[in-house]
């Protein structure tokens, strides 16, 4: 069971039913993004460095749920220097244009 201090992070969920092992990915990502220092210390002691790094890298290379400033912070912790430089180079070529969904759907008709 998660400590009571996590209740604020998961107010949209039935807190007492959250299984820390089954929902580890969501707990780790949410805590890395919005958690306090004590909550971050708890996830590192509970899940360990390797599991948190694995979840971070999955998010970094895939879903991208972490906010950009938060992702940059954790890149310093979880990626080596060459990987961090590659991440900066990739960010420069990232698509910056956002097409509103309604405009895209209208163009299909």
C-alpha atoms as a PDB file:
ATOM      1  CA  UNK A   1       0.000   0.000   0.000  1.00  0.00           C
ATOM      2  CA  UNK A   2       1.184   3.494  -0.813  1.00  0.00           C
ATOM      3  CA  UNK A   3       1.942   5.939   1.996  1.00  0.00           C
ATOM      4  CA  UNK A   4      -0.772   8.485   2.806  1.00  0.00           C
ATOM      5  CA  UNK A   5       1.382  11.289   1.397  1.00  0.00           C
ATOM      6  CA  UNK A   6       0.686   9.933  -2.118  1.00  0.00           C
ATOM      7  CA  UNK A   7      -3.036  10.583  -1.763  1.00  0.00           C
ATOM      8  CA  UNK A   8      -2.687  14.089  -3.249  1.00  0.00           C
ATOM      9  CA  UNK A   9      -0.982  12.702  -6.355  1.00  0.00           C
ATOM     10  CA  UNK A  10      -3.731  10.160  -7.026  1.00  0.00           C
ATOM     11  CA  UNK A  11      -6.879  12.044  -6.092  1.00  0.00           C
ATOM     12  CA  UNK A  12      -8.625  10.881  -9.291  1.00  0.00           C
ATOM     13  CA  UNK A  13      -8.273   7.256  -8.224  1.00  0.00           C
ATOM     14  CA  UNK A  14      -9.679   5.184  -5.396  1.00  0.00           C
ATOM     15  CA  UNK A  15      -6.498   5.489  -3.375  1.00  0.00           C
ATOM     16  CA  UNK A  16      -7.011   2.454  -1.140  1.00  0.00           C
ATOM     17  CA  UNK A  17      -7.266   0.116  -4.139  1.00  0.00           C
ATOM     18  CA  UNK A  18      -4.017   1.161  -5.853  1.00  0.00           C
ATOM     19  CA  UNK A  19      -1.613  -1.771  -5.940  1.00  0.00           C
ATOM     20  CA  UNK A  20       1.967  -0.420  -5.873  1.00  0.00           C
ATOM     21  CA  UNK A  21       3.258  -3.422  -7.830  1.00  0.00           C
ATOM     22  CA  UNK A  22       0.578  -3.564 -10.523  1.00  0.00           C
ATOM     23  CA  UNK A  23       0.541   0.207 -11.087  1.00  0.00           C
ATOM     24  CA  UNK A  24       4.275   0.750 -10.739  1.00  0.00           C
ATOM     25  CA  UNK A  25       4.649   2.554 -14.064  1.00  0.00           C
ATOM     26  CA  UNK A  26       1.945   5.104 -13.335  1.00  0.00           C
ATOM     27  CA  UNK A  27       3.141   5.612  -9.764  1.00  0.00           C
ATOM     28  CA  UNK A  28       6.740   6.153 -10.842  1.00  0.00           C
ATOM     29  CA  UNK A  29       5.934   8.549 -13.701  1.00  0.00           C
ATOM     30  CA  UNK A  30       3.483  10.555 -11.601  1.00  0.00           C
ATOM     31  CA  UNK A  31       5.921  10.788  -8.707  1.00  0.00           C
ATOM     32  CA  UNK A  32       8.846  11.786 -10.932  1.00  0.00           C
ATOM     33  CA  UNK A  33       6.686  14.519 -12.455  1.00  0.00           C
ATOM     34  CA  UNK A  34       4.785  15.897  -9.463  1.00  0.00           C
ATOM     35  CA  UNK A  35       6.104  14.256  -6.302  1.00  0.00           C
ATOM     36  CA  UNK A  36       7.800  15.817  -3.329  1.00  0.00           C
ATOM     37  CA  UNK A  37      11.339  14.915  -2.349  1.00  0.00           C
ATOM     38  CA  UNK A  38      10.060  12.479   0.294  1.00  0.00           C
ATOM     39  CA  UNK A  39       7.806  10.739  -2.238  1.00  0.00           C
ATOM     40  CA  UNK A  40      10.693  10.448  -4.693  1.00  0.00           C
ATOM     41  CA  UNK A  41      12.871   8.944  -1.955  1.00  0.00           C
ATOM     42  CA  UNK A  42      10.104   6.443  -1.184  1.00  0.00           C
ATOM     43  CA  UNK A  43       9.787   5.215  -4.788  1.00  0.00           C
ATOM     44  CA  UNK A  44      13.571   4.781  -5.004  1.00  0.00           C
ATOM     45  CA  UNK A  45      13.613   2.758  -1.809  1.00  0.00           C
ATOM     46  CA  UNK A  46      10.556   0.696  -2.831  1.00  0.00           C
ATOM     47  CA  UNK A  47      11.204   0.073  -6.553  1.00  0.00           C
ATOM     48  CA  UNK A  48      14.964   0.559  -6.809  1.00  0.00           C
ATOM     49  CA  UNK A  49      17.114   2.491  -9.248  1.00  0.00           C
ATOM     50  CA  UNK A  50      16.960  -0.050 -12.100  1.00  0.00           C
ATOM     51  CA  UNK A  51      13.146  -0.331 -12.157  1.00  0.00           C
ATOM     52  CA  UNK A  52      12.697   3.463 -12.072  1.00  0.00           C
ATOM     53  CA  UNK A  53      15.296   3.901 -14.825  1.00  0.00           C
ATOM     54  CA  UNK A  54      13.524   1.265 -16.925  1.00  0.00           C
ATOM     55  CA  UNK A  55      10.169   3.066 -16.545  1.00  0.00           C
ATOM     56  CA  UNK A  56      11.807   6.429 -17.296  1.00  0.00           C
ATOM     57  CA  UNK A  57      13.511   5.129 -20.442  1.00  0.00           C
ATOM     58  CA  UNK A  58      10.242   3.572 -21.610  1.00  0.00           C
ATOM     59  CA  UNK A  59       8.590   6.969 -21.219  1.00  0.00           C
ATOM     60  CA  UNK A  60      11.557   8.821 -22.734  1.00  0.00           C
ATOM     61  CA  UNK A  61      11.635   6.702 -25.882  1.00  0.00           C
ATOM     62  CA  UNK A  62       7.901   6.120 -26.166  1.00  0.00           C
ATOM     63  CA  UNK A  63       4.877   7.607 -24.475  1.00  0.00           C
ATOM     64  CA  UNK A  64       6.392  10.905 -23.308  1.00  0.00           C
ATOM     65  CA  UNK A  65       4.045  11.452 -20.370  1.00  0.00           C
ATOM     66  CA  UNK A  66       6.582  13.412 -18.341  1.00  0.00           C
ATOM     67  CA  UNK A  67       6.477  17.186 -18.853  1.00  0.00           C
ATOM     68  CA  UNK A  68       9.449  18.494 -20.850  1.00  0.00           C
ATOM     69  CA  UNK A  69      11.230  20.316 -17.969  1.00  0.00           C
ATOM     70  CA  UNK A  70      10.846  17.274 -15.735  1.00  0.00           C
ATOM     71  CA  UNK A  71      12.106  14.960 -18.470  1.00  0.00           C
ATOM     72  CA  UNK A  72      15.225  17.135 -18.892  1.00  0.00           C
ATOM     73  CA  UNK A  73      15.924  16.902 -15.170  1.00  0.00           C
ATOM     74  CA  UNK A  74      15.665  13.105 -15.080  1.00  0.00           C
ATOM     75  CA  UNK A  75      17.748  12.771 -18.273  1.00  0.00           C
ATOM     76  CA  UNK A  76      20.658  14.045 -16.194  1.00  0.00           C
ATOM     77  CA  UNK A  77      20.118  11.254 -13.694  1.00  0.00           C
ATOM     78  CA  UNK A  78      19.299   8.311 -15.948  1.00  0.00           C
ATOM     79  CA  UNK A  79      21.236   8.852 -19.190  1.00  0.00           C
ATOM     80  CA  UNK A  80      24.958   9.055 -19.663  1.00  0.00           C
ATOM     81  CA  UNK A  81      26.511  12.163 -21.229  1.00  0.00           C
ATOM     82  CA  UNK A  82      26.471  10.913 -24.827  1.00  0.00           C
ATOM     83  CA  UNK A  83      22.828   9.831 -24.558  1.00  0.00           C
ATOM     84  CA  UNK A  84      21.904  13.213 -23.066  1.00  0.00           C
ATOM     85  CA  UNK A  85      23.633  14.995 -25.966  1.00  0.00           C
ATOM     86  CA  UNK A  86      21.766  12.782 -28.441  1.00  0.00           C
ATOM     87  CA  UNK A  87      18.497  13.651 -26.677  1.00  0.00           C
ATOM     88  CA  UNK A  88      19.227  17.370 -27.107  1.00  0.00           C
ATOM     89  CA  UNK A  89      19.941  16.853 -30.808  1.00  0.00           C
ATOM     90  CA  UNK A  90      16.692  14.909 -31.260  1.00  0.00           C
ATOM     91  CA  UNK A  91      14.707  17.599 -29.453  1.00  0.00           C
ATOM     92  CA  UNK A  92      15.901  20.146 -31.997  1.00  0.00           C
ATOM     93  CA  UNK A  93      14.359  18.144 -34.863  1.00  0.00           C
ATOM     94  CA  UNK A  94      11.125  17.372 -33.036  1.00  0.00           C
ATOM     95  CA  UNK A  95       7.935  18.493 -34.765  1.00  0.00           C
ATOM     96  CA  UNK A  96       6.795  21.792 -33.287  1.00  0.00           C
ATOM     97  CA  UNK A  97       3.677  22.335 -35.366  1.00  0.00           C
ATOM     98  CA  UNK A  98       0.466  21.206 -33.739  1.00  0.00           C
ATOM     99  CA  UNK A  99      -2.589  20.695 -35.930  1.00  0.00           C
ATOM    100  CA  UNK A 100      -5.899  20.973 -34.080  1.00  0.00           C
ATOM    101  CA  UNK A 101      -7.883  17.736 -34.412  1.00  0.00           C
ATOM    102  CA  UNK A 102     -10.938  19.488 -35.843  1.00  0.00           C
ATOM    103  CA  UNK A 103      -8.886  21.088 -38.651  1.00  0.00           C
ATOM    104  CA  UNK A 104      -7.351  17.714 -39.480  1.00  0.00           C
ATOM    105  CA  UNK A 105     -10.735  15.981 -39.609  1.00  0.00           C
ATOM    106  CA  UNK A 106     -12.229  18.726 -41.799  1.00  0.00           C
ATOM    107  CA  UNK A 107      -9.390  18.312 -44.299  1.00  0.00           C
ATOM    108  CA  UNK A 108     -10.264  14.609 -44.661  1.00  0.00           C
ATOM    109  CA  UNK A 109     -13.850  15.328 -45.683  1.00  0.00           C
END
